[in-house]
Amino acid sequence: WATGFEKLQIIPLLVVTPLAFLGG
């Protein structure tokens, strides 16, 4: 899906990591 290096970090940093912190 990513068209640039910055897009590779969007979901891991802004979605997955916060969900992990809020997931117990």
mmCIF file of all heavy atoms, coordinates in Angstrom:
data_MODEL
# 
_entry.id   MODEL 
# 
loop_
_atom_site.group_PDB 
_atom_site.id 
_atom_site.type_symbol 
_atom_site.label_atom_id 
_atom_site.label_alt_id 
_atom_site.label_comp_id 
_atom_site.label_asym_id 
_atom_site.label_entity_id 
_atom_site.label_seq_id 
_atom_site.pdbx_PDB_ins_code 
_atom_site.Cartn_x 
_atom_site.Cartn_y 
_atom_site.Cartn_z 
_atom_site.occupancy 
_atom_site.B_iso_or_equiv 
_atom_site.pdbx_formal_charge 
_atom_site.auth_seq_id 
_atom_site.auth_comp_id 
_atom_site.auth_asym_id 
_atom_site.auth_atom_id 
_atom_site.pdbx_PDB_model_num 
ATOM 1   N N   . TRP A 1 1  ? 0.813  -1.217 0.000  1.00 0.00 ? 1  TRP A N   1 
ATOM 2   C CA  . TRP A 1 1  ? 0.000  0.000  0.000  1.00 0.00 ? 1  TRP A CA  1 
ATOM 3   C C   . TRP A 1 1  ? 0.847  1.268  0.000  1.00 0.00 ? 1  TRP A C   1 
ATOM 4   O O   . TRP A 1 1  ? 0.521  2.260  -0.655 1.00 0.00 ? 1  TRP A O   1 
ATOM 5   C CB  . TRP A 1 1  ? -0.922 -0.017 1.209  1.00 0.00 ? 1  TRP A CB  1 
ATOM 6   C CG  . TRP A 1 1  ? -1.548 1.311  1.541  1.00 0.00 ? 1  TRP A CG  1 
ATOM 7   C CD1 . TRP A 1 1  ? -2.591 1.918  0.904  1.00 0.00 ? 1  TRP A CD1 1 
ATOM 8   C CD2 . TRP A 1 1  ? -1.134 2.211  2.586  1.00 0.00 ? 1  TRP A CD2 1 
ATOM 9   N NE1 . TRP A 1 1  ? -2.867 3.128  1.494  1.00 0.00 ? 1  TRP A NE1 1 
ATOM 10  C CE2 . TRP A 1 1  ? -1.988 3.332  2.524  1.00 0.00 ? 1  TRP A CE2 1 
ATOM 11  C CE3 . TRP A 1 1  ? -0.137 2.170  3.561  1.00 0.00 ? 1  TRP A CE3 1 
ATOM 12  C CZ2 . TRP A 1 1  ? -1.866 4.407  3.408  1.00 0.00 ? 1  TRP A CZ2 1 
ATOM 13  C CZ3 . TRP A 1 1  ? -0.017 3.238  4.444  1.00 0.00 ? 1  TRP A CZ3 1 
ATOM 14  C CH2 . TRP A 1 1  ? -0.874 4.337  4.364  1.00 0.00 ? 1  TRP A CH2 1 
ATOM 15  N N   . ALA A 1 2  ? 1.988  1.247  0.708  1.00 0.00 ? 2  ALA A N   1 
ATOM 16  C CA  . ALA A 1 2  ? 2.798  2.445  0.894  1.00 0.00 ? 2  ALA A CA  1 
ATOM 17  C C   . ALA A 1 2  ? 3.415  2.908  -0.426 1.00 0.00 ? 2  ALA A C   1 
ATOM 18  O O   . ALA A 1 2  ? 3.874  2.097  -1.233 1.00 0.00 ? 2  ALA A O   1 
ATOM 19  C CB  . ALA A 1 2  ? 3.897  2.184  1.915  1.00 0.00 ? 2  ALA A CB  1 
ATOM 20  N N   . THR A 1 3  ? 3.422  4.211  -0.617 1.00 0.00 ? 3  THR A N   1 
ATOM 21  C CA  . THR A 1 3  ? 4.051  4.804  -1.800 1.00 0.00 ? 3  THR A CA  1 
ATOM 22  C C   . THR A 1 3  ? 5.315  5.574  -1.429 1.00 0.00 ? 3  THR A C   1 
ATOM 23  O O   . THR A 1 3  ? 5.948  6.166  -2.290 1.00 0.00 ? 3  THR A O   1 
ATOM 24  C CB  . THR A 1 3  ? 3.069  5.751  -2.505 1.00 0.00 ? 3  THR A CB  1 
ATOM 25  O OG1 . THR A 1 3  ? 2.591  6.721  -1.554 1.00 0.00 ? 3  THR A OG1 1 
ATOM 26  C CG2 . THR A 1 3  ? 1.888  4.976  -3.073 1.00 0.00 ? 3  THR A CG2 1 
ATOM 27  N N   . GLY A 1 4  ? 5.685  5.565  -0.161 1.00 0.00 ? 4  GLY A N   1 
ATOM 28  C CA  . GLY A 1 4  ? 6.894  6.247  0.299  1.00 0.00 ? 4  GLY A CA  1 
ATOM 29  C C   . GLY A 1 4  ? 7.305  5.709  1.657  1.00 0.00 ? 4  GLY A C   1 
ATOM 30  O O   . GLY A 1 4  ? 6.527  5.034  2.332  1.00 0.00 ? 4  GLY A O   1 
ATOM 31  N N   . PHE A 1 5  ? 8.538  6.015  2.067  1.00 0.00 ? 5  PHE A N   1 
ATOM 32  C CA  . PHE A 1 5  ? 9.048  5.496  3.328  1.00 0.00 ? 5  PHE A CA  1 
ATOM 33  C C   . PHE A 1 5  ? 8.240  6.003  4.522  1.00 0.00 ? 5  PHE A C   1 
ATOM 34  O O   . PHE A 1 5  ? 8.085  5.300  5.521  1.00 0.00 ? 5  PHE A O   1 
ATOM 35  C CB  . PHE A 1 5  ? 10.522 5.879  3.501  1.00 0.00 ? 5  PHE A CB  1 
ATOM 36  C CG  . PHE A 1 5  ? 11.450 5.091  2.627  1.00 0.00 ? 5  PHE A CG  1 
ATOM 37  C CD1 . PHE A 1 5  ? 11.936 5.632  1.448  1.00 0.00 ? 5  PHE A CD1 1 
ATOM 38  C CD2 . PHE A 1 5  ? 11.839 3.806  2.981  1.00 0.00 ? 5  PHE A CD2 1 
ATOM 39  C CE1 . PHE A 1 5  ? 12.789 4.910  0.622  1.00 0.00 ? 5  PHE A CE1 1 
ATOM 40  C CE2 . PHE A 1 5  ? 12.690 3.073  2.163  1.00 0.00 ? 5  PHE A CE2 1 
ATOM 41  C CZ  . PHE A 1 5  ? 13.171 3.625  0.982  1.00 0.00 ? 5  PHE A CZ  1 
ATOM 42  N N   . GLU A 1 6  ? 7.734  7.232  4.417  1.00 0.00 ? 6  GLU A N   1 
ATOM 43  C CA  . GLU A 1 6  ? 6.978  7.771  5.545  1.00 0.00 ? 6  GLU A CA  1 
ATOM 44  C C   . GLU A 1 6  ? 5.691  6.993  5.795  1.00 0.00 ? 6  GLU A C   1 
ATOM 45  O O   . GLU A 1 6  ? 5.247  6.855  6.939  1.00 0.00 ? 6  GLU A O   1 
ATOM 46  C CB  . GLU A 1 6  ? 6.668  9.257  5.330  1.00 0.00 ? 6  GLU A CB  1 
ATOM 47  C CG  . GLU A 1 6  ? 5.700  9.585  4.192  1.00 0.00 ? 6  GLU A CG  1 
ATOM 48  C CD  . GLU A 1 6  ? 6.327  9.513  2.812  1.00 0.00 ? 6  GLU A CD  1 
ATOM 49  O OE1 . GLU A 1 6  ? 7.554  9.333  2.729  1.00 0.00 ? 6  GLU A OE1 1 
ATOM 50  O OE2 . GLU A 1 6  ? 5.580  9.624  1.814  1.00 0.00 ? 6  GLU A OE2 1 
ATOM 51  N N   . LYS A 1 7  ? 5.080  6.459  4.725  1.00 0.00 ? 7  LYS A N   1 
ATOM 52  C CA  . LYS A 1 7  ? 3.835  5.709  4.888  1.00 0.00 ? 7  LYS A CA  1 
ATOM 53  C C   . LYS A 1 7  ? 4.061  4.360  5.576  1.00 0.00 ? 7  LYS A C   1 
ATOM 54  O O   . LYS A 1 7  ? 3.125  3.792  6.133  1.00 0.00 ? 7  LYS A O   1 
ATOM 55  C CB  . LYS A 1 7  ? 3.157  5.494  3.537  1.00 0.00 ? 7  LYS A CB  1 
ATOM 56  C CG  . LYS A 1 7  ? 2.424  6.719  3.020  1.00 0.00 ? 7  LYS A CG  1 
ATOM 57  C CD  . LYS A 1 7  ? 1.554  6.366  1.826  1.00 0.00 ? 7  LYS A CD  1 
ATOM 58  C CE  . LYS A 1 7  ? 0.718  7.553  1.388  1.00 0.00 ? 7  LYS A CE  1 
ATOM 59  N NZ  . LYS A 1 7  ? -0.185 7.207  0.263  1.00 0.00 ? 7  LYS A NZ  1 
ATOM 60  N N   . LEU A 1 8  ? 5.296  3.852  5.510  1.00 0.00 ? 8  LEU A N   1 
ATOM 61  C CA  . LEU A 1 8  ? 5.588  2.578  6.178  1.00 0.00 ? 8  LEU A CA  1 
ATOM 62  C C   . LEU A 1 8  ? 5.439  2.695  7.689  1.00 0.00 ? 8  LEU A C   1 
ATOM 63  O O   . LEU A 1 8  ? 5.205  1.702  8.379  1.00 0.00 ? 8  LEU A O   1 
ATOM 64  C CB  . LEU A 1 8  ? 7.018  2.120  5.849  1.00 0.00 ? 8  LEU A CB  1 
ATOM 65  C CG  . LEU A 1 8  ? 7.313  1.684  4.413  1.00 0.00 ? 8  LEU A CG  1 
ATOM 66  C CD1 . LEU A 1 8  ? 8.784  1.322  4.279  1.00 0.00 ? 8  LEU A CD1 1 
ATOM 67  C CD2 . LEU A 1 8  ? 6.441  0.504  4.009  1.00 0.00 ? 8  LEU A CD2 1 
ATOM 68  N N   . GLN A 1 9  ? 5.592  3.923  8.220  1.00 0.00 ? 9  GLN A N   1 
ATOM 69  C CA  . GLN A 1 9  ? 5.582  4.119  9.673  1.00 0.00 ? 9  GLN A CA  1 
ATOM 70  C C   . GLN A 1 9  ? 4.248  4.627  10.209 1.00 0.00 ? 9  GLN A C   1 
ATOM 71  O O   . GLN A 1 9  ? 4.061  4.665  11.427 1.00 0.00 ? 9  GLN A O   1 
ATOM 72  C CB  . GLN A 1 9  ? 6.682  5.119  10.059 1.00 0.00 ? 9  GLN A CB  1 
ATOM 73  C CG  . GLN A 1 9  ? 8.083  4.681  9.656  1.00 0.00 ? 9  GLN A CG  1 
ATOM 74  C CD  . GLN A 1 9  ? 8.484  3.380  10.317 1.00 0.00 ? 9  GLN A CD  1 
ATOM 75  O OE1 . GLN A 1 9  ? 8.159  3.131  11.473 1.00 0.00 ? 9  GLN A OE1 1 
ATOM 76  N NE2 . GLN A 1 9  ? 9.172  2.525  9.574  1.00 0.00 ? 9  GLN A NE2 1 
ATOM 77  N N   . ILE A 1 10 ? 3.347  5.024  9.307  1.00 0.00 ? 10 ILE A N   1 
ATOM 78  C CA  . ILE A 1 10 ? 2.097  5.641  9.766  1.00 0.00 ? 10 ILE A CA  1 
ATOM 79  C C   . ILE A 1 10 ? 1.284  4.687  10.628 1.00 0.00 ? 10 ILE A C   1 
ATOM 80  O O   . ILE A 1 10 ? 0.921  5.001  11.775 1.00 0.00 ? 10 ILE A O   1 
ATOM 81  C CB  . ILE A 1 10 ? 1.259  6.128  8.563  1.00 0.00 ? 10 ILE A CB  1 
ATOM 82  C CG1 . ILE A 1 10 ? 1.930  7.331  7.908  1.00 0.00 ? 10 ILE A CG1 1 
ATOM 83  C CG2 . ILE A 1 10 ? -0.155 6.495  9.012  1.00 0.00 ? 10 ILE A CG2 1 
ATOM 84  C CD1 . ILE A 1 10 ? 1.211  7.838  6.671  1.00 0.00 ? 10 ILE A CD1 1 
ATOM 85  N N   . ILE A 1 11 ? 0.975  3.506  10.097 1.00 0.00 ? 11 ILE A N   1 
ATOM 86  C CA  . ILE A 1 11 ? 0.121  2.567  10.822 1.00 0.00 ? 11 ILE A CA  1 
ATOM 87  C C   . ILE A 1 11 ? 0.825  1.976  12.036 1.00 0.00 ? 11 ILE A C   1 
ATOM 88  O O   . ILE A 1 11 ? 0.232  1.914  13.121 1.00 0.00 ? 11 ILE A O   1 
ATOM 89  C CB  . ILE A 1 11 ? -0.407 1.468  9.876  1.00 0.00 ? 11 ILE A CB  1 
ATOM 90  C CG1 . ILE A 1 11 ? -1.346 2.094  8.843  1.00 0.00 ? 11 ILE A CG1 1 
ATOM 91  C CG2 . ILE A 1 11 ? -1.118 0.365  10.662 1.00 0.00 ? 11 ILE A CG2 1 
ATOM 92  C CD1 . ILE A 1 11 ? -1.919 1.126  7.835  1.00 0.00 ? 11 ILE A CD1 1 
ATOM 93  N N   . PRO A 1 12 ? 2.100  1.531  11.947 1.00 0.00 ? 12 PRO A N   1 
ATOM 94  C CA  . PRO A 1 12 ? 2.764  1.027  13.155 1.00 0.00 ? 12 PRO A CA  1 
ATOM 95  C C   . PRO A 1 12 ? 2.834  2.053  14.283 1.00 0.00 ? 12 PRO A C   1 
ATOM 96  O O   . PRO A 1 12 ? 2.611  1.716  15.458 1.00 0.00 ? 12 PRO A O   1 
ATOM 97  C CB  . PRO A 1 12 ? 4.163  0.647  12.658 1.00 0.00 ? 12 PRO A CB  1 
ATOM 98  C CG  . PRO A 1 12 ? 3.976  0.357  11.214 1.00 0.00 ? 12 PRO A CG  1 
ATOM 99  C CD  . PRO A 1 12 ? 2.933  1.321  10.749 1.00 0.00 ? 12 PRO A CD  1 
ATOM 100 N N   . LEU A 1 13 ? 3.148  3.319  13.960 1.00 0.00 ? 13 LEU A N   1 
ATOM 101 C CA  . LEU A 1 13 ? 3.333  4.336  14.990 1.00 0.00 ? 13 LEU A CA  1 
ATOM 102 C C   . LEU A 1 13 ? 2.024  4.931  15.488 1.00 0.00 ? 13 LEU A C   1 
ATOM 103 O O   . LEU A 1 13 ? 1.861  5.164  16.686 1.00 0.00 ? 13 LEU A O   1 
ATOM 104 C CB  . LEU A 1 13 ? 4.241  5.458  14.464 1.00 0.00 ? 13 LEU A CB  1 
ATOM 105 C CG  . LEU A 1 13 ? 5.715  5.095  14.248 1.00 0.00 ? 13 LEU A CG  1 
ATOM 106 C CD1 . LEU A 1 13 ? 6.474  6.280  13.693 1.00 0.00 ? 13 LEU A CD1 1 
ATOM 107 C CD2 . LEU A 1 13 ? 6.350  4.616  15.545 1.00 0.00 ? 13 LEU A CD2 1 
ATOM 108 N N   . LEU A 1 14 ? 1.093  5.178  14.570 1.00 0.00 ? 14 LEU A N   1 
ATOM 109 C CA  . LEU A 1 14 ? -0.136 5.886  14.933 1.00 0.00 ? 14 LEU A CA  1 
ATOM 110 C C   . LEU A 1 14 ? -1.312 4.970  15.237 1.00 0.00 ? 14 LEU A C   1 
ATOM 111 O O   . LEU A 1 14 ? -2.320 5.428  15.782 1.00 0.00 ? 14 LEU A O   1 
ATOM 112 C CB  . LEU A 1 14 ? -0.526 6.862  13.816 1.00 0.00 ? 14 LEU A CB  1 
ATOM 113 C CG  . LEU A 1 14 ? 0.485  7.971  13.507 1.00 0.00 ? 14 LEU A CG  1 
ATOM 114 C CD1 . LEU A 1 14 ? -0.064 8.905  12.433 1.00 0.00 ? 14 LEU A CD1 1 
ATOM 115 C CD2 . LEU A 1 14 ? 0.835  8.757  14.772 1.00 0.00 ? 14 LEU A CD2 1 
ATOM 116 N N   . VAL A 1 15 ? -1.213 3.690  14.892 1.00 0.00 ? 15 VAL A N   1 
ATOM 117 C CA  . VAL A 1 15 ? -2.328 2.769  15.127 1.00 0.00 ? 15 VAL A CA  1 
ATOM 118 C C   . VAL A 1 15 ? -1.910 1.606  16.018 1.00 0.00 ? 15 VAL A C   1 
ATOM 119 O O   . VAL A 1 15 ? -2.472 1.421  17.109 1.00 0.00 ? 15 VAL A O   1 
ATOM 120 C CB  . VAL A 1 15 ? -2.898 2.230  13.793 1.00 0.00 ? 15 VAL A CB  1 
ATOM 121 C CG1 . VAL A 1 15 ? -4.031 1.242  14.061 1.00 0.00 ? 15 VAL A CG1 1 
ATOM 122 C CG2 . VAL A 1 15 ? -3.384 3.366  12.913 1.00 0.00 ? 15 VAL A CG2 1 
ATOM 123 N N   . VAL A 1 16 ? -0.926 0.823  15.587 1.00 0.00 ? 16 VAL A N   1 
ATOM 124 C CA  . VAL A 1 16 ? -0.593 -0.414 16.291 1.00 0.00 ? 16 VAL A CA  1 
ATOM 125 C C   . VAL A 1 16 ? -0.001 -0.147 17.671 1.00 0.00 ? 16 VAL A C   1 
ATOM 126 O O   . VAL A 1 16 ? -0.426 -0.759 18.663 1.00 0.00 ? 16 VAL A O   1 
ATOM 127 C CB  . VAL A 1 16 ? 0.376  -1.270 15.442 1.00 0.00 ? 16 VAL A CB  1 
ATOM 128 C CG1 . VAL A 1 16 ? 0.800  -2.514 16.225 1.00 0.00 ? 16 VAL A CG1 1 
ATOM 129 C CG2 . VAL A 1 16 ? -0.292 -1.681 14.143 1.00 0.00 ? 16 VAL A CG2 1 
ATOM 130 N N   . THR A 1 17 ? 0.981  0.757  17.771 1.00 0.00 ? 17 THR A N   1 
ATOM 131 C CA  . THR A 1 17 ? 1.601  1.029  19.074 1.00 0.00 ? 17 THR A CA  1 
ATOM 132 C C   . THR A 1 17 ? 0.608  1.584  20.091 1.00 0.00 ? 17 THR A C   1 
ATOM 133 O O   . THR A 1 17 ? 0.564  1.100  21.235 1.00 0.00 ? 17 THR A O   1 
ATOM 134 C CB  . THR A 1 17 ? 2.800  1.988  18.902 1.00 0.00 ? 17 THR A CB  1 
ATOM 135 O OG1 . THR A 1 17 ? 3.770  1.383  18.047 1.00 0.00 ? 17 THR A OG1 1 
ATOM 136 C CG2 . THR A 1 17 ? 3.433  2.285  20.251 1.00 0.00 ? 17 THR A CG2 1 
ATOM 137 N N   . PRO A 1 18 ? -0.225 2.593  19.737 1.00 0.00 ? 18 PRO A N   1 
ATOM 138 C CA  . PRO A 1 18 ? -1.238 3.041  20.714 1.00 0.00 ? 18 PRO A CA  1 
ATOM 139 C C   . PRO A 1 18 ? -2.210 1.933  21.117 1.00 0.00 ? 18 PRO A C   1 
ATOM 140 O O   . PRO A 1 18 ? -2.581 1.824  22.298 1.00 0.00 ? 18 PRO A O   1 
ATOM 141 C CB  . PRO A 1 18 ? -1.973 4.167  19.958 1.00 0.00 ? 18 PRO A CB  1 
ATOM 142 C CG  . PRO A 1 18 ? -0.985 4.664  18.971 1.00 0.00 ? 18 PRO A CG  1 
ATOM 143 C CD  . PRO A 1 18 ? -0.206 3.464  18.541 1.00 0.00 ? 18 PRO A CD  1 
ATOM 144 N N   . LEU A 1 19 ? -2.629 1.105  20.157 1.00 0.00 ? 19 LEU A N   1 
ATOM 145 C CA  . LEU A 1 19 ? -3.536 0.004  20.493 1.00 0.00 ? 19 LEU A CA  1 
ATOM 146 C C   . LEU A 1 19 ? -2.865 -0.986 21.444 1.00 0.00 ? 19 LEU A C   1 
ATOM 147 O O   . LEU A 1 19 ? -3.513 -1.558 22.325 1.00 0.00 ? 19 LEU A O   1 
ATOM 148 C CB  . LEU A 1 19 ? -3.987 -0.716 19.221 1.00 0.00 ? 19 LEU A CB  1 
ATOM 149 C CG  . LEU A 1 19 ? -4.988 0.014  18.323 1.00 0.00 ? 19 LEU A CG  1 
ATOM 150 C CD1 . LEU A 1 19 ? -5.310 -0.825 17.095 1.00 0.00 ? 19 LEU A CD1 1 
ATOM 151 C CD2 . LEU A 1 19 ? -6.261 0.347  19.083 1.00 0.00 ? 19 LEU A CD2 1 
ATOM 152 N N   . ALA A 1 20 ? -1.553 -1.191 21.267 1.00 0.00 ? 20 ALA A N   1 
ATOM 153 C CA  . ALA A 1 20 ? -0.820 -2.100 22.156 1.00 0.00 ? 20 ALA A CA  1 
ATOM 154 C C   . ALA A 1 20 ? -0.754 -1.531 23.576 1.00 0.00 ? 20 ALA A C   1 
ATOM 155 O O   . ALA A 1 20 ? -0.938 -2.255 24.560 1.00 0.00 ? 20 ALA A O   1 
ATOM 156 C CB  . ALA A 1 20 ? 0.582  -2.350 21.611 1.00 0.00 ? 20 ALA A CB  1 
ATOM 157 N N   . PHE A 1 21 ? -0.490 -0.233 23.684 1.00 0.00 ? 21 PHE A N   1 
ATOM 158 C CA  . PHE A 1 21 ? -0.439 0.394  25.004 1.00 0.00 ? 21 PHE A CA  1 
ATOM 159 C C   . PHE A 1 21 ? -1.804 0.369  25.686 1.00 0.00 ? 21 PHE A C   1 
ATOM 160 O O   . PHE A 1 21 ? -1.899 0.176  26.900 1.00 0.00 ? 21 PHE A O   1 
ATOM 161 C CB  . PHE A 1 21 ? 0.049  1.841  24.880 1.00 0.00 ? 21 PHE A CB  1 
ATOM 162 C CG  . PHE A 1 21 ? 1.540  1.988  24.888 1.00 0.00 ? 21 PHE A CG  1 
ATOM 163 C CD1 . PHE A 1 21 ? 2.251  2.081  23.699 1.00 0.00 ? 21 PHE A CD1 1 
ATOM 164 C CD2 . PHE A 1 21 ? 2.248  2.016  26.083 1.00 0.00 ? 21 PHE A CD2 1 
ATOM 165 C CE1 . PHE A 1 21 ? 3.629  2.208  23.698 1.00 0.00 ? 21 PHE A CE1 1 
ATOM 166 C CE2 . PHE A 1 21 ? 3.627  2.144  26.097 1.00 0.00 ? 21 PHE A CE2 1 
ATOM 167 C CZ  . PHE A 1 21 ? 4.327  2.239  24.897 1.00 0.00 ? 21 PHE A CZ  1 
ATOM 168 N N   . LEU A 1 22 ? -2.867 0.563  24.888 1.00 0.00 ? 22 LEU A N   1 
ATOM 169 C CA  . LEU A 1 22 ? -4.226 0.580  25.450 1.00 0.00 ? 22 LEU A CA  1 
ATOM 170 C C   . LEU A 1 22 ? -4.836 -0.811 25.526 1.00 0.00 ? 22 LEU A C   1 
ATOM 171 O O   . LEU A 1 22 ? -5.964 -0.958 26.001 1.00 0.00 ? 22 LEU A O   1 
ATOM 172 C CB  . LEU A 1 22 ? -5.122 1.476  24.583 1.00 0.00 ? 22 LEU A CB  1 
ATOM 173 C CG  . LEU A 1 22 ? -4.723 2.956  24.523 1.00 0.00 ? 22 LEU A CG  1 
ATOM 174 C CD1 . LEU A 1 22 ? -5.587 3.696  23.501 1.00 0.00 ? 22 LEU A CD1 1 
ATOM 175 C CD2 . LEU A 1 22 ? -4.837 3.606  25.891 1.00 0.00 ? 22 LEU A CD2 1 
ATOM 176 N N   . GLY A 1 23 ? -4.104 -1.823 25.068 1.00 0.00 ? 23 GLY A N   1 
ATOM 177 C CA  . GLY A 1 23 ? -4.636 -3.180 25.033 1.00 0.00 ? 23 GLY A CA  1 
ATOM 178 C C   . GLY A 1 23 ? -4.267 -4.040 26.231 1.00 0.00 ? 23 GLY A C   1 
ATOM 179 O O   . GLY A 1 23 ? -4.468 -5.248 26.201 1.00 0.00 ? 23 GLY A O   1 
ATOM 180 N N   . GLY A 1 24 ? -3.695 -3.414 27.264 1.00 0.00 ? 24 GLY A N   1 
ATOM 181 C CA  . GLY A 1 24 ? -3.370 -4.171 28.468 1.00 0.00 ? 24 GLY A CA  1 
ATOM 182 C C   . GLY A 1 24 ? -1.936 -4.650 28.546 1.00 0.00 ? 24 GLY A C   1 
ATOM 183 O O   . GLY A 1 24 ? -1.641 -5.597 29.270 1.00 0.00 ? 24 GLY A O   1 
# 
